[in-house]
Amino acid sequence: MVRRLPAKFVAYKFNTVLHHKMDYFGKLSAVNNNFYSKNKKSY
């Protein structure tokens, strides 16, 4: 059984988690892009 939580609470938690995930992946992809552009090999 899933307990019903207040919609506001769910939305808040979801948005917070989503925001942190986006921030983390944004940083990660920026680092990756930087890395790959420096170390690009032509195959």
PDB file of N, CA and C in Angstrom:
ATOM      1  N   MET A   1       0.844  -1.203   0.000  1.00  0.00           N
ATOM      2  CA  MET A   1       0.000   0.000   0.000  1.00  0.00           C
ATOM      3  C   MET A   1       0.881   1.255   0.000  1.00  0.00           C
ATOM      4  N   VAL A   2       0.485   2.200  -0.812  1.00  0.00           N
ATOM      5  CA  VAL A   2       1.216   3.465  -0.880  1.00  0.00           C
ATOM      6  C   VAL A   2       0.446   4.514  -0.108  1.00  0.00           C
ATOM      7  N   ARG A   3       1.131   5.139   0.838  1.00  0.00           N
ATOM      8  CA  ARG A   3       0.472   6.192   1.604  1.00  0.00           C
ATOM      9  C   ARG A   3       0.375   7.444   0.761  1.00  0.00           C
ATOM     10  N   ARG A   4      -0.786   8.087   0.847  1.00  0.00           N
ATOM     11  CA  ARG A   4      -0.996   9.333   0.101  1.00  0.00           C
ATOM     12  C   ARG A   4      -0.320  10.474   0.848  1.00  0.00           C
ATOM     13  N   LEU A   5       0.521  11.196   0.148  1.00  0.00           N
ATOM     14  CA  LEU A   5       1.162  12.361   0.754  1.00  0.00           C
ATOM     15  C   LEU A   5       0.544  13.618   0.169  1.00  0.00           C
ATOM     16  N   PRO A   6       0.618  14.725   0.909  1.00  0.00           N
ATOM     17  CA  PRO A   6       0.109  15.990   0.375  1.00  0.00           C
ATOM     18  C   PRO A   6       0.808  16.333  -0.934  1.00  0.00           C
ATOM     19  N   ALA A   7       0.036  16.792  -1.904  1.00  0.00           N
ATOM     20  CA  ALA A   7       0.570  17.084  -3.232  1.00  0.00           C
ATOM     21  C   ALA A   7       1.697  18.111  -3.170  1.00  0.00           C
ATOM     22  N   LYS A   8       1.530  19.103  -2.303  1.00  0.00           N
ATOM     23  CA  LYS A   8       2.549  20.153  -2.175  1.00  0.00           C
ATOM     24  C   LYS A   8       3.879  19.562  -1.733  1.00  0.00           C
ATOM     25  N   PHE A   9       3.794  18.674  -0.743  1.00  0.00           N
ATOM     26  CA  PHE A   9       5.001  18.040  -0.210  1.00  0.00           C
ATOM     27  C   PHE A   9       5.689  17.215  -1.293  1.00  0.00           C
ATOM     28  N   VAL A  10       4.902  16.427  -2.014  1.00  0.00           N
ATOM     29  CA  VAL A  10       5.446  15.586  -3.083  1.00  0.00           C
ATOM     30  C   VAL A  10       6.103  16.447  -4.147  1.00  0.00           C
ATOM     31  N   ALA A  11       5.404  17.498  -4.559  1.00  0.00           N
ATOM     32  CA  ALA A  11       5.933  18.390  -5.592  1.00  0.00           C
ATOM     33  C   ALA A  11       7.232  19.036  -5.122  1.00  0.00           C
ATOM     34  N   TYR A  12       7.257  19.450  -3.867  1.00  0.00           N
ATOM     35  CA  TYR A  12       8.447  20.090  -3.314  1.00  0.00           C
ATOM     36  C   TYR A  12       9.631  19.129  -3.325  1.00  0.00           C
ATOM     37  N   LYS A  13       9.411  17.929  -2.804  1.00  0.00           N
ATOM     38  CA  LYS A  13      10.483  16.937  -2.746  1.00  0.00           C
ATOM     39  C   LYS A  13      10.959  16.594  -4.155  1.00  0.00           C
ATOM     40  N   PHE A  14      10.009  16.373  -5.046  1.00  0.00           N
ATOM     41  CA  PHE A  14      10.331  16.001  -6.419  1.00  0.00           C
ATOM     42  C   PHE A  14      11.157  17.087  -7.095  1.00  0.00           C
ATOM     43  N   ASN A  15      10.717  18.335  -6.948  1.00  0.00           N
ATOM     44  CA  ASN A  15      11.427  19.456  -7.565  1.00  0.00           C
ATOM     45  C   ASN A  15      12.824  19.615  -6.989  1.00  0.00           C
ATOM     46  N   THR A  16      12.951  19.424  -5.676  1.00  0.00           N
ATOM     47  CA  THR A  16      14.261  19.564  -5.035  1.00  0.00           C
ATOM     48  C   THR A  16      15.216  18.505  -5.554  1.00  0.00           C
ATOM     49  N   VAL A  17      14.748  17.261  -5.574  1.00  0.00           N
ATOM     50  CA  VAL A  17      15.584  16.155  -6.051  1.00  0.00           C
ATOM     51  C   VAL A  17      15.945  16.369  -7.511  1.00  0.00           C
ATOM     52  N   LEU A  18      14.944  16.746  -8.297  1.00  0.00           N
ATOM     53  CA  LEU A  18      15.159  16.967  -9.722  1.00  0.00           C
ATOM     54  C   LEU A  18      16.185  18.071  -9.937  1.00  0.00           C
ATOM     55  N   HIS A  19      16.049  19.152  -9.168  1.00  0.00           N
ATOM     56  CA  HIS A  19      16.964  20.283  -9.299  1.00  0.00           C
ATOM     57  C   HIS A  19      18.393  19.846  -9.004  1.00  0.00           C
ATOM     58  N   HIS A  20      18.568  19.098  -7.916  1.00  0.00           N
ATOM     59  CA  HIS A  20      19.910  18.654  -7.544  1.00  0.00           C
ATOM     60  C   HIS A  20      20.477  17.711  -8.597  1.00  0.00           C
ATOM     61  N   LYS A  21      19.622  16.825  -9.116  1.00  0.00           N
ATOM     62  CA  LYS A  21      20.065  15.902 -10.157  1.00  0.00           C
ATOM     63  C   LYS A  21      20.508  16.665 -11.394  1.00  0.00           C
ATOM     64  N   MET A  22      19.685  17.652 -11.806  1.00  0.00           N
ATOM     65  CA  MET A  22      20.007  18.427 -13.001  1.00  0.00           C
ATOM     66  C   MET A  22      21.315  19.179 -12.798  1.00  0.00           C
ATOM     67  N   ASP A  23      21.482  19.758 -11.616  1.00  0.00           N
ATOM     68  CA  ASP A  23      22.698  20.502 -11.302  1.00  0.00           C
ATOM     69  C   ASP A  23      23.909  19.580 -11.389  1.00  0.00           C
ATOM     70  N   TYR A  24      23.772  18.391 -10.787  1.00  0.00           N
ATOM     71  CA  TYR A  24      24.866  17.418 -10.760  1.00  0.00           C
ATOM     72  C   TYR A  24      25.222  16.973 -12.171  1.00  0.00           C
ATOM     73  N   PHE A  25      24.193  16.605 -12.947  1.00  0.00           N
ATOM     74  CA  PHE A  25      24.457  16.118 -14.298  1.00  0.00           C
ATOM     75  C   PHE A  25      24.945  17.233 -15.205  1.00  0.00           C
ATOM     76  N   GLY A  26      24.494  18.445 -14.944  1.00  0.00           N
ATOM     77  CA  GLY A  26      24.977  19.589 -15.710  1.00  0.00           C
ATOM     78  C   GLY A  26      26.465  19.787 -15.505  1.00  0.00           C
ATOM     79  N   LYS A  27      26.892  19.728 -14.251  1.00  0.00           N
ATOM     80  CA  LYS A  27      28.320  19.846 -13.950  1.00  0.00           C
ATOM     81  C   LYS A  27      29.092  18.703 -14.583  1.00  0.00           C
ATOM     82  N   LEU A  28      28.535  17.500 -14.459  1.00  0.00           N
ATOM     83  CA  LEU A  28      29.185  16.307 -14.974  1.00  0.00           C
ATOM     84  C   LEU A  28      29.353  16.398 -16.485  1.00  0.00           C
ATOM     85  N   SER A  29      28.292  16.785 -17.185  1.00  0.00           N
ATOM     86  CA  SER A  29      28.361  16.856 -18.642  1.00  0.00           C
ATOM     87  C   SER A  29      29.302  17.965 -19.083  1.00  0.00           C
ATOM     88  N   ALA A  30      29.339  19.056 -18.328  1.00  0.00           N
ATOM     89  CA  ALA A  30      30.263  20.145 -18.658  1.00  0.00           C
ATOM     90  C   ALA A  30      31.700  19.650 -18.554  1.00  0.00           C
ATOM     91  N   VAL A  31      31.993  18.912 -17.488  1.00  0.00           N
ATOM     92  CA  VAL A  31      33.338  18.358 -17.299  1.00  0.00           C
ATOM     93  C   VAL A  31      33.653  17.361 -18.406  1.00  0.00           C
ATOM     94  N   ASN A  32      32.687  16.504 -18.716  1.00  0.00           N
ATOM     95  CA  ASN A  32      32.887  15.507 -19.763  1.00  0.00           C
ATOM     96  C   ASN A  32      33.137  16.163 -21.109  1.00  0.00           C
ATOM     97  N   ASN A  33      32.345  17.172 -21.447  1.00  0.00           N
ATOM     98  CA  ASN A  33      32.523  17.868 -22.721  1.00  0.00           C
ATOM     99  C   ASN A  33      33.904  18.489 -22.800  1.00  0.00           C
ATOM    100  N   ASN A  34      34.326  19.096 -21.708  1.00  0.00           N
ATOM    101  CA  ASN A  34      35.640  19.703 -21.639  1.00  0.00           C
ATOM    102  C   ASN A  34      36.716  18.647 -21.866  1.00  0.00           C
ATOM    103  N   PHE A  35      36.566  17.533 -21.179  1.00  0.00           N
ATOM    104  CA  PHE A  35      37.531  16.437 -21.263  1.00  0.00           C
ATOM    105  C   PHE A  35      37.606  15.891 -22.680  1.00  0.00           C
ATOM    106  N   TYR A  36      36.434  15.630 -23.268  1.00  0.00           N
ATOM    107  CA  TYR A  36      36.411  15.005 -24.587  1.00  0.00           C
ATOM    108  C   TYR A  36      36.896  15.953 -25.670  1.00  0.00           C
ATOM    109  N   SER A  37      36.609  17.224 -25.526  1.00  0.00           N
ATOM    110  CA  SER A  37      37.057  18.168 -26.551  1.00  0.00           C
ATOM    111  C   SER A  37      38.577  18.303 -26.516  1.00  0.00           C
ATOM    112  N   LYS A  38      39.164  18.136 -25.323  1.00  0.00           N
ATOM    113  CA  LYS A  38      40.621  18.203 -25.211  1.00  0.00           C
ATOM    114  C   LYS A  38      41.271  16.927 -25.733  1.00  0.00           C
ATOM    115  N   ASN A  39      40.615  15.797 -25.471  1.00  0.00           N
ATOM    116  CA  ASN A  39      41.222  14.512 -25.805  1.00  0.00           C
ATOM    117  C   ASN A  39      40.493  13.810 -26.946  1.00  0.00           C
ATOM    118  N   LYS A  40      40.075  14.579 -27.937  1.00  0.00           N
ATOM    119  CA  LYS A  40      39.337  13.986 -29.044  1.00  0.00           C
ATOM    120  C   LYS A  40      40.307  13.226 -29.940  1.00  0.00           C
ATOM    121  N   LYS A  41      39.945  11.983 -30.217  1.00  0.00           N
ATOM    122  CA  LYS A  41      40.741  11.186 -31.152  1.00  0.00           C
ATOM    123  C   LYS A  41      39.905  10.942 -32.393  1.00  0.00           C
ATOM    124  N   SER A  42      40.528  11.023 -33.542  1.00  0.00           N
ATOM    125  CA  SER A  42      39.801  10.719 -34.775  1.00  0.00           C
ATOM    126  C   SER A  42      40.009   9.245 -35.107  1.00  0.00           C
ATOM    127  N   TYR A  43      38.903   8.536 -35.260  1.00  0.00           N
ATOM    128  CA  TYR A  43      38.988   7.100 -35.537  1.00  0.00           C
ATOM    129  C   TYR A  43      38.813   6.846 -37.023  1.00  0.00           C
TER     130      TYR A  43
END
